[in-house]
Amino acid sequence: MKKYKLVESDKIVVGKYVLYRLEATRSFSNIKKGDLGGYVENETSLAHDGDCWIGDDAQVFDGAKVIGDALVGGDAWVFGRSLVSGNARVSDTVWVSEDAQVSGNAQVHENAWILRKSKVSGNAKVGGNARVSEGAKVGGTTQVSGNTRVL
């Protein structure tokens, strides 16, 4: 059974992409039937299995996916064939793009950018204007913050 539907009447345009608001069609995890979520390009952006969800005004598009029990919220943008999976949390004003991956129990928040085939995994935390890019890997219990650049 599908856990959400696209609200055709509530859409936004981001460049060449049309994104639709999510509405939960059943209750799961902390989401109740009827709750509104963030925006997706289509149903391949968010898996119907697991407890994954896109909330608030977050946007997932351009071949990006949220799967497993991952959560994307705030004003986060996940795009460019990127993947958020496992129990990962992506929130605030974050960009995950260009084939980047956030997985495991990783947390990305506070204006961080994960770009260009980079990976954040394990119990890593990236925030505070940090940039992880150019295929860099941040894992384990590593914490990256401030204006740090990991290339």
Protein backbone atom coordinates (compact mmCIF):
# COMPACT_ATOMS: atom_id res chain seq x y z
CA MET A 1 0.00 0.00 0.00
CA LYS A 2 1.32 3.43 -0.95
CA LYS A 3 2.13 5.68 1.98
CA TYR A 4 1.69 8.99 0.20
CA LYS A 5 0.21 10.71 -2.81
CA LEU A 6 1.23 13.75 -4.79
CA VAL A 7 -1.00 16.79 -4.29
CA GLU A 8 -1.45 17.98 -7.87
CA SER A 9 -2.97 21.29 -6.73
CA ASP A 10 0.07 22.19 -4.58
CA LYS A 11 3.09 22.42 -6.82
CA ILE A 12 6.16 24.60 -7.25
CA VAL A 13 8.54 25.11 -10.14
CA VAL A 14 12.29 24.85 -9.55
CA GLY A 15 14.09 25.66 -12.79
CA LYS A 16 12.83 23.12 -15.32
CA TYR A 17 11.33 20.85 -12.63
CA VAL A 18 7.74 20.77 -11.38
CA LEU A 19 7.56 19.50 -7.80
CA TYR A 20 4.44 18.32 -5.98
CA ARG A 21 3.59 18.43 -2.27
CA LEU A 22 3.33 15.06 -0.50
CA GLU A 23 0.32 13.93 1.52
CA ALA A 24 0.48 10.83 3.72
CA THR A 25 -2.21 8.27 2.79
CA ARG A 26 -1.55 6.15 5.87
CA SER A 27 0.07 6.57 9.27
CA PHE A 28 3.65 5.36 9.85
CA SER A 29 6.44 6.31 12.26
CA ASN A 30 5.61 9.86 13.47
CA ILE A 31 3.63 10.68 10.32
CA LYS A 32 -0.16 10.60 10.48
CA LYS A 33 -2.53 9.98 7.60
CA GLY A 34 -3.29 13.35 6.00
CA ASP A 35 -0.03 15.02 7.06
CA LEU A 36 1.53 17.16 4.38
CA GLY A 37 5.18 16.74 3.53
CA GLY A 38 7.74 18.43 1.35
CA TYR A 39 8.00 18.45 -2.43
CA VAL A 40 9.07 15.78 -4.93
CA GLU A 41 9.34 15.59 -8.67
CA ASN A 42 7.64 12.20 -8.87
CA GLU A 43 7.09 8.97 -6.95
CA THR A 44 10.61 7.69 -7.63
CA SER A 45 11.90 10.46 -5.34
CA LEU A 46 10.56 8.87 -2.13
CA ALA A 47 10.22 5.15 -1.44
CA HIS A 48 6.83 3.81 -0.34
CA ASP A 49 8.46 1.20 1.92
CA GLY A 50 10.34 1.96 5.13
CA ASP A 51 9.67 5.02 7.28
CA CYS A 52 11.47 7.51 5.03
CA TRP A 53 9.82 10.90 4.66
CA ILE A 54 10.34 14.34 3.19
CA GLY A 55 8.88 17.04 5.42
CA ASP A 56 8.47 20.76 5.80
CA ASP A 57 9.43 22.57 2.57
CA ALA A 58 12.25 20.19 1.62
CA GLN A 59 12.62 19.38 -2.07
CA VAL A 60 13.82 16.16 -3.74
CA PHE A 61 14.15 16.10 -7.53
CA ASP A 62 16.37 15.53 -10.59
CA GLY A 63 16.76 11.78 -10.07
CA ALA A 64 17.48 12.02 -6.32
CA LYS A 65 15.98 9.48 -3.91
CA VAL A 66 15.12 9.14 -0.24
CA ILE A 67 14.83 5.52 0.93
CA GLY A 68 14.95 3.32 4.03
CA ASP A 69 14.11 5.21 7.21
CA ALA A 70 15.82 8.46 6.15
CA LEU A 71 14.27 11.86 6.84
CA VAL A 72 14.73 15.05 4.84
CA GLY A 73 13.20 18.25 6.21
CA GLY A 74 13.50 21.97 6.71
CA ASP A 75 14.41 23.77 3.50
CA ALA A 76 16.81 21.05 2.33
CA TRP A 77 17.32 20.35 -1.36
CA VAL A 78 18.33 16.86 -2.48
CA PHE A 79 18.89 16.66 -6.23
CA GLY A 80 21.22 15.63 -9.05
CA ARG A 81 20.87 11.83 -8.66
CA SER A 82 21.81 11.98 -4.97
CA LEU A 83 20.71 9.45 -2.35
CA VAL A 84 19.66 9.79 1.29
CA SER A 85 19.24 6.36 2.91
CA GLY A 86 19.39 4.29 6.08
CA ASN A 87 18.50 6.35 9.15
CA ALA A 88 20.15 9.50 7.80
CA ARG A 89 18.78 12.93 8.71
CA VAL A 90 19.06 15.93 6.38
CA SER A 91 17.54 19.16 7.67
CA ASP A 92 17.71 22.93 7.76
CA THR A 93 19.01 24.71 4.66
CA VAL A 94 21.16 21.92 3.21
CA TRP A 95 22.13 20.96 -0.34
CA VAL A 96 22.87 17.34 -1.27
CA SER A 97 23.62 17.19 -4.98
CA GLU A 98 25.63 15.81 -7.89
CA ASP A 99 25.55 12.08 -7.03
CA ALA A 100 26.25 12.67 -3.32
CA GLN A 101 25.16 10.16 -0.67
CA VAL A 102 24.11 10.53 2.96
CA SER A 103 23.59 7.18 4.69
CA GLY A 104 23.71 5.21 7.92
CA ASN A 105 22.91 7.38 10.93
CA ALA A 106 24.59 10.45 9.43
CA GLN A 107 23.20 13.91 10.12
CA VAL A 108 23.59 16.88 7.77
CA HIS A 109 22.21 20.23 8.90
CA GLU A 110 22.83 23.98 9.34
CA ASN A 111 23.60 25.15 5.80
CA ALA A 112 25.98 22.29 4.93
CA TRP A 113 26.55 21.24 1.33
CA ILE A 114 27.34 17.65 0.29
CA LEU A 115 28.37 17.72 -3.38
CA ARG A 116 30.01 15.93 -6.30
CA LYS A 117 29.99 12.21 -5.45
CA SER A 118 30.85 12.81 -1.79
CA LYS A 119 29.64 10.45 0.93
CA VAL A 120 28.62 11.10 4.52
CA SER A 121 27.96 7.89 6.42
CA GLY A 122 28.11 6.08 9.75
CA ASN A 123 27.36 8.39 12.67
CA ALA A 124 29.02 11.41 11.05
CA LYS A 125 27.62 14.90 11.55
CA VAL A 126 28.14 17.73 9.07
CA GLY A 127 26.80 21.22 9.73
CA GLY A 128 27.51 24.87 10.26
CA ASN A 129 28.28 25.96 6.68
CA ALA A 130 30.62 23.01 6.09
CA ARG A 131 31.18 21.79 2.52
CA VAL A 132 32.00 18.17 1.62
CA SER A 133 32.82 17.88 -2.06
CA GLU A 134 34.88 16.35 -4.88
CA GLY A 135 34.26 12.74 -3.84
CA ALA A 136 35.34 13.21 -0.21
CA LYS A 137 34.17 10.67 2.38
CA VAL A 138 33.17 11.56 5.93
CA GLY A 139 32.26 8.61 8.13
CA GLY A 140 32.52 6.98 11.53
CA THR A 141 31.84 9.48 14.30
CA THR A 142 33.50 12.39 12.51
CA GLN A 143 32.02 15.83 13.05
CA VAL A 144 32.57 18.57 10.47
CA SER A 145 31.35 22.09 11.23
CA GLY A 146 32.12 25.77 10.99
CA ASN A 147 33.23 26.87 7.56
CA THR A 148 35.28 23.70 7.04
CA ARG A 149 35.87 22.42 3.52
CA VAL A 150 36.50 18.68 2.99
CA LEU A 151 37.70 17.93 -0.54
